[in-house]
Amino acid sequence: MVDGAGLRHLRHLRHLRRCVEPATEALEAGDEPFGSVLVGGDGTVLAEDRNRVALGDRTRHPGFGPARWAAAHMTPREREAATVHTSGEHCPMCAATHARVGLGRIVYASSSAQLASWPAELGVPAPLVRTPPVKEIAPGVAVEGPVPGLAREVRELHRRLHGAA
């Protein structure tokens, strides 16, 4: 459900749609479907990544690449003004990294609650790690989401991942 800031989502919609593309690329590469896009305060796309955990390194989430890029290339003020758009609300590891790097807002297509409910709906085992909302891990980070239409697209990617009907 949109959190009451539906109009704010409109300005983020283009970037949210873009982060579904690397999530799809991840799925097509045999990986879990997650993607993130880092956008500067002026609206410029600065970095993006997709999930890359299929080869065994479970830390290769798409929240890390843009955070590392930001730490290396942006001033603290620029990082604060930036927004990370992501197909799924950050996991605890990505939320902590986001906060420690000093990035600004997170806008997500699908929420942690949605991501946690889909395995049961799809008849697959639950993930090994609980996925609380970003606010439980990084209370100072501003978040917006989920966005219903895009959350349905992300759910479809997860359905495809698991081969569910």
N, C-alpha and C. Protein backbone atom coordinates (compact mmCIF):
# COMPACT_ATOMS: atom_id res chain seq x y z
N MET A 1 0.84 -1.17 0.00
CA MET A 1 0.00 0.00 0.00
C MET A 1 0.89 1.24 0.00
N VAL A 2 0.51 2.23 -0.74
CA VAL A 2 1.25 3.49 -0.75
C VAL A 2 1.06 4.13 0.61
N ASP A 3 2.14 4.69 1.15
CA ASP A 3 2.14 5.17 2.53
C ASP A 3 1.54 6.56 2.72
N GLY A 4 0.67 7.00 1.84
CA GLY A 4 0.08 8.32 1.98
C GLY A 4 0.87 9.37 1.23
N ALA A 5 1.98 8.99 0.65
CA ALA A 5 2.82 9.92 -0.09
C ALA A 5 2.78 9.58 -1.58
N GLY A 6 1.61 9.14 -2.05
CA GLY A 6 1.46 8.68 -3.42
C GLY A 6 1.99 9.66 -4.45
N LEU A 7 1.75 10.95 -4.24
CA LEU A 7 2.22 11.94 -5.21
C LEU A 7 3.73 12.00 -5.26
N ARG A 8 4.39 11.81 -4.13
CA ARG A 8 5.86 11.79 -4.12
C ARG A 8 6.39 10.61 -4.93
N HIS A 9 5.63 9.51 -4.93
CA HIS A 9 6.06 8.33 -5.70
C HIS A 9 6.14 8.65 -7.18
N LEU A 10 5.29 9.55 -7.66
CA LEU A 10 5.27 9.86 -9.08
C LEU A 10 6.63 10.37 -9.56
N ARG A 11 7.29 11.19 -8.76
CA ARG A 11 8.59 11.70 -9.20
C ARG A 11 9.67 10.62 -9.13
N HIS A 12 9.40 9.55 -8.40
CA HIS A 12 10.36 8.45 -8.29
C HIS A 12 10.04 7.30 -9.23
N LEU A 13 8.87 7.35 -9.87
CA LEU A 13 8.39 6.21 -10.65
C LEU A 13 9.36 5.79 -11.75
N ARG A 14 9.93 6.73 -12.47
CA ARG A 14 10.86 6.39 -13.56
C ARG A 14 12.04 5.59 -13.01
N HIS A 15 12.58 6.01 -11.89
CA HIS A 15 13.73 5.31 -11.30
C HIS A 15 13.32 3.97 -10.70
N LEU A 16 12.12 3.90 -10.13
CA LEU A 16 11.63 2.62 -9.62
C LEU A 16 11.44 1.63 -10.76
N ARG A 17 10.89 2.11 -11.86
CA ARG A 17 10.74 1.23 -13.03
C ARG A 17 12.11 0.74 -13.50
N ARG A 18 13.11 1.63 -13.46
CA ARG A 18 14.44 1.25 -13.89
C ARG A 18 15.02 0.16 -12.99
N CYS A 19 14.77 0.21 -11.69
CA CYS A 19 15.37 -0.80 -10.82
C CYS A 19 14.71 -2.17 -11.00
N VAL A 20 13.53 -2.24 -11.59
CA VAL A 20 12.93 -3.53 -11.91
C VAL A 20 13.68 -4.16 -13.09
N GLU A 21 14.28 -3.34 -13.95
CA GLU A 21 15.04 -3.88 -15.09
C GLU A 21 16.26 -4.68 -14.62
N PRO A 22 17.15 -4.15 -13.76
CA PRO A 22 18.26 -5.00 -13.29
C PRO A 22 17.79 -6.19 -12.46
N ALA A 23 16.64 -6.06 -11.79
CA ALA A 23 16.08 -7.22 -11.07
C ALA A 23 15.73 -8.32 -12.07
N THR A 24 15.16 -7.93 -13.20
CA THR A 24 14.84 -8.89 -14.26
C THR A 24 16.11 -9.48 -14.84
N GLU A 25 17.13 -8.64 -15.05
CA GLU A 25 18.43 -9.12 -15.54
C GLU A 25 19.02 -10.15 -14.57
N ALA A 26 18.90 -9.88 -13.27
CA ALA A 26 19.40 -10.82 -12.27
C ALA A 26 18.69 -12.16 -12.42
N LEU A 27 17.38 -12.14 -12.53
CA LEU A 27 16.61 -13.37 -12.67
C LEU A 27 17.05 -14.13 -13.93
N GLU A 28 17.20 -13.41 -15.03
CA GLU A 28 17.59 -14.05 -16.29
C GLU A 28 19.01 -14.61 -16.23
N ALA A 29 19.83 -14.09 -15.30
CA ALA A 29 21.20 -14.59 -15.11
C ALA A 29 21.25 -15.71 -14.07
N GLY A 30 20.08 -16.15 -13.59
CA GLY A 30 20.02 -17.24 -12.63
C GLY A 30 20.15 -16.79 -11.19
N ASP A 31 19.86 -15.53 -10.94
CA ASP A 31 20.00 -14.97 -9.61
C ASP A 31 18.64 -14.55 -9.06
N GLU A 32 18.63 -14.15 -7.79
CA GLU A 32 17.41 -13.65 -7.18
C GLU A 32 17.10 -12.26 -7.75
N PRO A 33 15.82 -11.95 -8.01
CA PRO A 33 15.46 -10.73 -8.72
C PRO A 33 15.38 -9.47 -7.84
N PHE A 34 16.52 -8.83 -7.68
CA PHE A 34 16.58 -7.56 -6.97
C PHE A 34 17.46 -6.60 -7.75
N GLY A 35 17.08 -5.32 -7.76
CA GLY A 35 17.87 -4.30 -8.43
C GLY A 35 17.74 -2.97 -7.71
N SER A 36 18.81 -2.15 -7.77
CA SER A 36 18.82 -0.83 -7.14
C SER A 36 19.45 0.20 -8.06
N VAL A 37 18.99 1.45 -7.91
CA VAL A 37 19.50 2.57 -8.68
C VAL A 37 19.76 3.72 -7.72
N LEU A 38 20.98 4.28 -7.77
CA LEU A 38 21.34 5.43 -6.96
C LEU A 38 21.14 6.69 -7.80
N VAL A 39 20.36 7.64 -7.28
CA VAL A 39 20.03 8.87 -7.99
C VAL A 39 20.48 10.06 -7.15
N GLY A 40 21.26 10.95 -7.78
CA GLY A 40 21.73 12.15 -7.10
C GLY A 40 20.60 13.10 -6.80
N GLY A 41 20.88 14.07 -5.96
CA GLY A 41 19.89 15.07 -5.57
C GLY A 41 19.33 15.84 -6.75
N ASP A 42 20.08 15.90 -7.87
CA ASP A 42 19.60 16.60 -9.06
C ASP A 42 18.83 15.69 -10.00
N GLY A 43 18.60 14.43 -9.62
CA GLY A 43 17.85 13.50 -10.45
C GLY A 43 18.68 12.67 -11.42
N THR A 44 20.00 12.84 -11.39
CA THR A 44 20.89 12.09 -12.27
C THR A 44 21.14 10.69 -11.74
N VAL A 45 21.01 9.67 -12.61
CA VAL A 45 21.34 8.31 -12.22
C VAL A 45 22.86 8.21 -12.11
N LEU A 46 23.35 7.80 -10.96
CA LEU A 46 24.79 7.75 -10.69
C LEU A 46 25.36 6.34 -10.70
N ALA A 47 24.59 5.37 -10.22
CA ALA A 47 25.08 3.99 -10.15
C ALA A 47 23.87 3.08 -10.04
N GLU A 48 24.06 1.85 -10.47
CA GLU A 48 23.02 0.84 -10.31
C GLU A 48 23.67 -0.53 -10.20
N ASP A 49 22.90 -1.46 -9.69
CA ASP A 49 23.41 -2.82 -9.57
C ASP A 49 22.22 -3.76 -9.50
N ARG A 50 22.53 -5.04 -9.68
CA ARG A 50 21.53 -6.10 -9.54
C ARG A 50 22.08 -7.13 -8.57
N ASN A 51 21.23 -8.01 -8.14
CA ASN A 51 21.66 -9.07 -7.25
C ASN A 51 22.70 -9.95 -7.94
N ARG A 52 23.72 -10.37 -7.19
CA ARG A 52 24.80 -11.20 -7.75
C ARG A 52 25.22 -12.28 -6.75
N VAL A 53 24.24 -12.86 -6.07
CA VAL A 53 24.55 -13.83 -5.02
C VAL A 53 24.63 -15.28 -5.51
N ALA A 54 24.21 -15.53 -6.74
CA ALA A 54 24.12 -16.91 -7.24
C ALA A 54 25.46 -17.65 -7.26
N LEU A 55 26.57 -16.92 -7.33
CA LEU A 55 27.88 -17.58 -7.36
C LEU A 55 28.40 -17.91 -5.97
N GLY A 56 27.60 -17.64 -4.93
CA GLY A 56 27.97 -18.06 -3.59
C GLY A 56 28.27 -16.95 -2.59
N ASP A 57 28.55 -15.74 -3.06
CA ASP A 57 28.81 -14.63 -2.14
C ASP A 57 27.48 -13.97 -1.80
N ARG A 58 26.91 -14.32 -0.65
CA ARG A 58 25.59 -13.84 -0.27
C ARG A 58 25.57 -12.37 0.12
N THR A 59 26.72 -11.68 0.07
CA THR A 59 26.76 -10.24 0.35
C THR A 59 26.64 -9.41 -0.92
N ARG A 60 26.51 -10.02 -2.07
CA ARG A 60 26.47 -9.28 -3.34
C ARG A 60 25.05 -8.79 -3.66
N HIS A 61 24.44 -8.14 -2.69
CA HIS A 61 23.12 -7.55 -2.88
C HIS A 61 23.26 -6.24 -3.65
N PRO A 62 22.21 -5.81 -4.36
CA PRO A 62 22.31 -4.60 -5.17
C PRO A 62 22.37 -3.31 -4.35
N GLY A 63 22.14 -3.36 -3.07
CA GLY A 63 22.30 -2.17 -2.24
C GLY A 63 23.75 -1.82 -1.98
N PHE A 64 24.64 -2.79 -2.13
CA PHE A 64 26.06 -2.57 -1.81
C PHE A 64 26.81 -1.81 -2.88
N GLY A 65 26.64 -2.18 -4.15
CA GLY A 65 27.37 -1.52 -5.23
C GLY A 65 27.17 -0.03 -5.24
N PRO A 66 25.92 0.44 -5.27
CA PRO A 66 25.69 1.88 -5.24
C PRO A 66 26.21 2.55 -3.97
N ALA A 67 26.12 1.87 -2.82
CA ALA A 67 26.64 2.45 -1.57
C ALA A 67 28.15 2.60 -1.64
N ARG A 68 28.83 1.58 -2.15
CA ARG A 68 30.30 1.67 -2.30
C ARG A 68 30.67 2.78 -3.28
N TRP A 69 29.93 2.86 -4.38
CA TRP A 69 30.19 3.91 -5.36
C TRP A 69 30.03 5.28 -4.70
N ALA A 70 28.95 5.46 -3.95
CA ALA A 70 28.69 6.74 -3.29
C ALA A 70 29.80 7.08 -2.30
N ALA A 71 30.25 6.12 -1.53
CA ALA A 71 31.31 6.36 -0.55
C ALA A 71 32.59 6.82 -1.24
N ALA A 72 32.87 6.29 -2.43
CA ALA A 72 34.10 6.61 -3.14
C ALA A 72 34.02 7.89 -3.98
N HIS A 73 32.80 8.29 -4.39
CA HIS A 73 32.69 9.36 -5.38
C HIS A 73 31.86 10.57 -4.96
N MET A 74 31.23 10.51 -3.81
CA MET A 74 30.33 11.60 -3.41
C MET A 74 30.76 12.18 -2.06
N THR A 75 30.50 13.46 -1.90
CA THR A 75 30.74 14.10 -0.61
C THR A 75 29.62 13.68 0.35
N PRO A 76 29.84 13.85 1.65
CA PRO A 76 28.76 13.53 2.59
C PRO A 76 27.46 14.29 2.27
N ARG A 77 27.55 15.53 1.89
CA ARG A 77 26.35 16.32 1.55
C ARG A 77 25.64 15.74 0.32
N GLU A 78 26.42 15.34 -0.70
CA GLU A 78 25.83 14.74 -1.90
C GLU A 78 25.16 13.41 -1.57
N ARG A 79 25.78 12.63 -0.69
CA ARG A 79 25.18 11.35 -0.29
C ARG A 79 23.85 11.57 0.43
N GLU A 80 23.80 12.57 1.30
CA GLU A 80 22.56 12.88 2.02
C GLU A 80 21.43 13.26 1.07
N ALA A 81 21.77 13.93 -0.02
CA ALA A 81 20.76 14.38 -0.98
C ALA A 81 20.34 13.29 -1.96
N ALA A 82 21.07 12.20 -1.98
CA ALA A 82 20.80 11.12 -2.94
C ALA A 82 19.64 10.24 -2.47
N THR A 83 19.06 9.52 -3.43
CA THR A 83 17.99 8.56 -3.16
C THR A 83 18.37 7.23 -3.78
N VAL A 84 18.15 6.15 -3.04
CA VAL A 84 18.31 4.81 -3.60
C VAL A 84 16.92 4.28 -3.90
N HIS A 85 16.71 3.95 -5.16
CA HIS A 85 15.47 3.32 -5.61
C HIS A 85 15.76 1.83 -5.71
N THR A 86 14.85 1.02 -5.21
CA THR A 86 15.13 -0.41 -5.17
C THR A 86 13.85 -1.21 -5.40
N SER A 87 14.03 -2.37 -6.02
CA SER A 87 12.88 -3.22 -6.31
C SER A 87 12.28 -3.79 -5.04
N GLY A 88 13.09 -4.02 -4.03
CA GLY A 88 12.62 -4.54 -2.75
C GLY A 88 13.23 -3.77 -1.60
N GLU A 89 12.45 -3.51 -0.57
CA GLU A 89 12.96 -2.80 0.61
C GLU A 89 14.24 -3.48 1.08
N HIS A 90 15.22 -2.70 1.45
CA HIS A 90 16.52 -3.22 1.84
C HIS A 90 16.43 -4.26 2.96
N CYS A 91 17.27 -5.28 2.85
CA CYS A 91 17.44 -6.25 3.92
C CYS A 91 18.23 -5.58 5.05
N PRO A 92 18.38 -6.21 6.21
CA PRO A 92 19.13 -5.61 7.31
C PRO A 92 20.57 -5.23 6.93
N MET A 93 21.24 -6.08 6.18
CA MET A 93 22.62 -5.82 5.78
C MET A 93 22.70 -4.57 4.89
N CYS A 94 21.81 -4.47 3.91
CA CYS A 94 21.82 -3.32 3.00
C CYS A 94 21.36 -2.05 3.71
N ALA A 95 20.37 -2.16 4.60
CA ALA A 95 19.89 -1.00 5.34
C ALA A 95 21.00 -0.42 6.21
N ALA A 96 21.75 -1.28 6.89
CA ALA A 96 22.86 -0.81 7.73
C ALA A 96 23.94 -0.16 6.88
N THR A 97 24.26 -0.75 5.74
CA THR A 97 25.27 -0.17 4.85
C THR A 97 24.81 1.19 4.35
N HIS A 98 23.57 1.29 3.94
CA HIS A 98 22.99 2.55 3.48
C HIS A 98 23.16 3.64 4.54
N ALA A 99 22.78 3.32 5.76
CA ALA A 99 22.87 4.29 6.86
C ALA A 99 24.31 4.67 7.17
N ARG A 100 25.20 3.69 7.21
CA ARG A 100 26.60 3.96 7.56
C ARG A 100 27.31 4.79 6.50
N VAL A 101 26.93 4.63 5.23
CA VAL A 101 27.52 5.43 4.15
C VAL A 101 26.95 6.85 4.19
N GLY A 102 25.78 7.02 4.79
CA GLY A 102 25.18 8.34 4.90
C GLY A 102 24.31 8.72 3.71
N LEU A 103 23.76 7.70 3.04
CA LEU A 103 22.87 7.98 1.93
C LEU A 103 21.53 8.49 2.43
N GLY A 104 20.80 9.20 1.57
CA GLY A 104 19.50 9.76 1.92
C GLY A 104 18.38 8.75 1.83
N ARG A 105 17.32 9.16 1.24
CA ARG A 105 16.07 8.40 1.17
C ARG A 105 16.21 7.08 0.42
N ILE A 106 15.37 6.11 0.82
CA ILE A 106 15.18 4.85 0.10
C ILE A 106 13.74 4.83 -0.39
N VAL A 107 13.55 4.59 -1.68
CA VAL A 107 12.21 4.43 -2.25
C VAL A 107 12.15 3.02 -2.83
N TYR A 108 11.17 2.23 -2.41
CA TYR A 108 11.13 0.83 -2.83
C TYR A 108 9.80 0.47 -3.47
N ALA A 109 9.88 -0.48 -4.42
CA ALA A 109 8.69 -0.95 -5.11
C ALA A 109 7.90 -1.94 -4.24
N SER A 110 8.61 -2.86 -3.57
CA SER A 110 7.96 -3.87 -2.73
C SER A 110 8.56 -3.82 -1.33
N SER A 111 7.72 -4.03 -0.34
CA SER A 111 8.14 -3.90 1.06
C SER A 111 8.71 -5.20 1.62
N SER A 112 9.37 -5.08 2.74
CA SER A 112 9.87 -6.26 3.46
C SER A 112 8.73 -7.19 3.83
N ALA A 113 7.61 -6.62 4.25
CA ALA A 113 6.45 -7.45 4.61
C ALA A 113 5.95 -8.24 3.40
N GLN A 114 5.90 -7.59 2.25
CA GLN A 114 5.48 -8.30 1.04
C GLN A 114 6.47 -9.40 0.69
N LEU A 115 7.76 -9.05 0.69
CA LEU A 115 8.79 -10.04 0.36
C LEU A 115 8.74 -11.23 1.31
N ALA A 116 8.43 -10.97 2.59
CA ALA A 116 8.35 -12.06 3.57
C ALA A 116 7.12 -12.93 3.37
N SER A 117 6.04 -12.36 2.82
CA SER A 117 4.80 -13.13 2.65
C SER A 117 4.80 -13.97 1.38
N TRP A 118 5.57 -13.59 0.39
CA TRP A 118 5.51 -14.28 -0.90
C TRP A 118 5.95 -15.74 -0.86
N PRO A 119 6.97 -16.15 -0.10
CA PRO A 119 7.32 -17.58 -0.11
C PRO A 119 6.15 -18.49 0.27
N ALA A 120 5.41 -18.14 1.31
CA ALA A 120 4.27 -18.96 1.72
C ALA A 120 3.20 -18.97 0.61
N GLU A 121 2.95 -17.81 0.02
CA GLU A 121 1.98 -17.72 -1.08
C GLU A 121 2.41 -18.58 -2.27
N LEU A 122 3.72 -18.65 -2.49
CA LEU A 122 4.25 -19.37 -3.64
C LEU A 122 4.58 -20.83 -3.32
N GLY A 123 4.40 -21.23 -2.06
CA GLY A 123 4.66 -22.61 -1.67
C GLY A 123 6.13 -22.99 -1.65
N VAL A 124 6.98 -22.03 -1.27
CA VAL A 124 8.42 -22.30 -1.20
C VAL A 124 8.89 -22.00 0.23
N PRO A 125 10.06 -22.53 0.60
CA PRO A 125 10.56 -22.28 1.96
C PRO A 125 10.82 -20.78 2.22
N ALA A 126 10.63 -20.41 3.46
CA ALA A 126 10.89 -19.03 3.88
C ALA A 126 12.40 -18.77 3.82
N PRO A 127 12.79 -17.51 3.64
CA PRO A 127 14.22 -17.19 3.63
C PRO A 127 14.86 -17.49 4.99
N LEU A 128 16.17 -17.67 4.99
CA LEU A 128 16.90 -17.99 6.22
C LEU A 128 16.98 -16.81 7.18
N VAL A 129 16.91 -15.58 6.65
CA VAL A 129 17.06 -14.37 7.46
C VAL A 129 15.76 -13.57 7.43
N ARG A 130 15.31 -13.18 8.59
CA ARG A 130 14.11 -12.34 8.70
C ARG A 130 14.39 -10.98 8.06
N THR A 131 13.38 -10.38 7.46
CA THR A 131 13.56 -9.10 6.76
C THR A 131 12.68 -8.01 7.39
N PRO A 132 13.14 -7.42 8.48
CA PRO A 132 12.35 -6.34 9.09
C PRO A 132 12.40 -5.09 8.22
N PRO A 133 11.47 -4.17 8.45
CA PRO A 133 11.50 -2.91 7.71
C PRO A 133 12.80 -2.13 7.96
N VAL A 134 13.20 -1.33 7.00
CA VAL A 134 14.42 -0.51 7.12
C VAL A 134 14.40 0.29 8.42
N LYS A 135 13.24 0.84 8.78
CA LYS A 135 13.14 1.70 9.97
C LYS A 135 13.56 0.97 11.25
N GLU A 136 13.46 -0.36 11.28
CA GLU A 136 13.91 -1.10 12.46
C GLU A 136 15.42 -1.22 12.52
N ILE A 137 16.08 -1.13 11.39
CA ILE A 137 17.53 -1.26 11.33
C ILE A 137 18.19 0.12 11.32
N ALA A 138 17.62 1.03 10.55
CA ALA A 138 18.20 2.37 10.37
C ALA A 138 17.09 3.41 10.56
N PRO A 139 16.73 3.70 11.80
CA PRO A 139 15.57 4.56 12.06
C PRO A 139 15.69 5.98 11.51
N GLY A 140 16.89 6.45 11.23
CA GLY A 140 17.05 7.80 10.71
C GLY A 140 16.92 7.93 9.21
N VAL A 141 16.76 6.81 8.51
CA VAL A 141 16.66 6.85 7.05
C VAL A 141 15.20 7.04 6.63
N ALA A 142 14.96 8.01 5.76
CA ALA A 142 13.62 8.23 5.23
C ALA A 142 13.32 7.16 4.19
N VAL A 143 12.11 6.60 4.24
CA VAL A 143 11.72 5.56 3.29
C VAL A 143 10.34 5.88 2.71
N GLU A 144 10.13 5.43 1.48
CA GLU A 144 8.83 5.52 0.84
C GLU A 144 8.57 4.21 0.12
N GLY A 145 7.36 3.72 0.18
CA GLY A 145 6.97 2.52 -0.53
C GLY A 145 6.01 1.73 0.33
N PRO A 146 5.49 0.67 -0.19
CA PRO A 146 5.66 0.15 -1.55
C PRO A 146 4.78 0.87 -2.56
N VAL A 147 4.99 0.54 -3.83
CA VAL A 147 4.20 1.08 -4.92
C VAL A 147 3.43 -0.11 -5.53
N PRO A 148 2.11 -0.15 -5.36
CA PRO A 148 1.34 -1.35 -5.69
C PRO A 148 1.59 -1.95 -7.08
N GLY A 149 1.51 -1.19 -8.15
CA GLY A 149 1.69 -1.75 -9.48
C GLY A 149 3.07 -2.36 -9.67
N LEU A 150 4.07 -1.69 -9.16
CA LEU A 150 5.43 -2.22 -9.29
C LEU A 150 5.65 -3.39 -8.34
N ALA A 151 5.03 -3.36 -7.18
CA ALA A 151 5.15 -4.50 -6.26
C ALA A 151 4.60 -5.76 -6.93
N ARG A 152 3.54 -5.63 -7.70
CA ARG A 152 3.00 -6.80 -8.42
C ARG A 152 4.02 -7.31 -9.44
N GLU A 153 4.71 -6.39 -10.13
CA GLU A 153 5.74 -6.80 -11.10
C GLU A 153 6.88 -7.55 -10.39
N VAL A 154 7.29 -7.03 -9.25
CA VAL A 154 8.38 -7.67 -8.49
C VAL A 154 7.92 -9.04 -7.99
N ARG A 155 6.68 -9.13 -7.52
CA ARG A 155 6.16 -10.43 -7.08
C ARG A 155 6.19 -11.43 -8.23
N GLU A 156 5.84 -10.98 -9.42
CA GLU A 156 5.86 -11.87 -10.58
C GLU A 156 7.29 -12.38 -10.85
N LEU A 157 8.29 -11.53 -10.66
CA LEU A 157 9.68 -11.98 -10.82
C LEU A 157 10.00 -13.08 -9.80
N HIS A 158 9.53 -12.92 -8.58
CA HIS A 158 9.77 -13.94 -7.55
C HIS A 158 9.01 -15.22 -7.86
N ARG A 159 7.81 -15.07 -8.40
CA ARG A 159 7.07 -16.27 -8.83
C ARG A 159 7.85 -17.01 -9.90
N ARG A 160 8.40 -16.28 -10.86
CA ARG A 160 9.21 -16.90 -11.91
C ARG A 160 10.45 -17.57 -11.33
N LEU A 161 11.08 -16.92 -10.36
CA LEU A 161 12.27 -17.48 -9.71
C LEU A 161 11.98 -18.88 -9.17
N HIS A 162 10.85 -19.00 -8.53
CA HIS A 162 10.50 -20.26 -7.86
C HIS A 162 9.70 -21.21 -8.74
N GLY A 163 9.40 -20.78 -9.96
CA GLY A 163 8.64 -21.64 -10.87
C GLY A 163 7.26 -21.96 -10.36
N ALA A 164 6.70 -21.05 -9.55
CA ALA A 164 5.39 -21.29 -8.97
C ALA A 164 4.30 -20.95 -9.98
N ALA A 165 3.14 -21.54 -9.76
CA ALA A 165 2.00 -21.32 -10.68
C ALA A 165 1.34 -20.00 -10.43
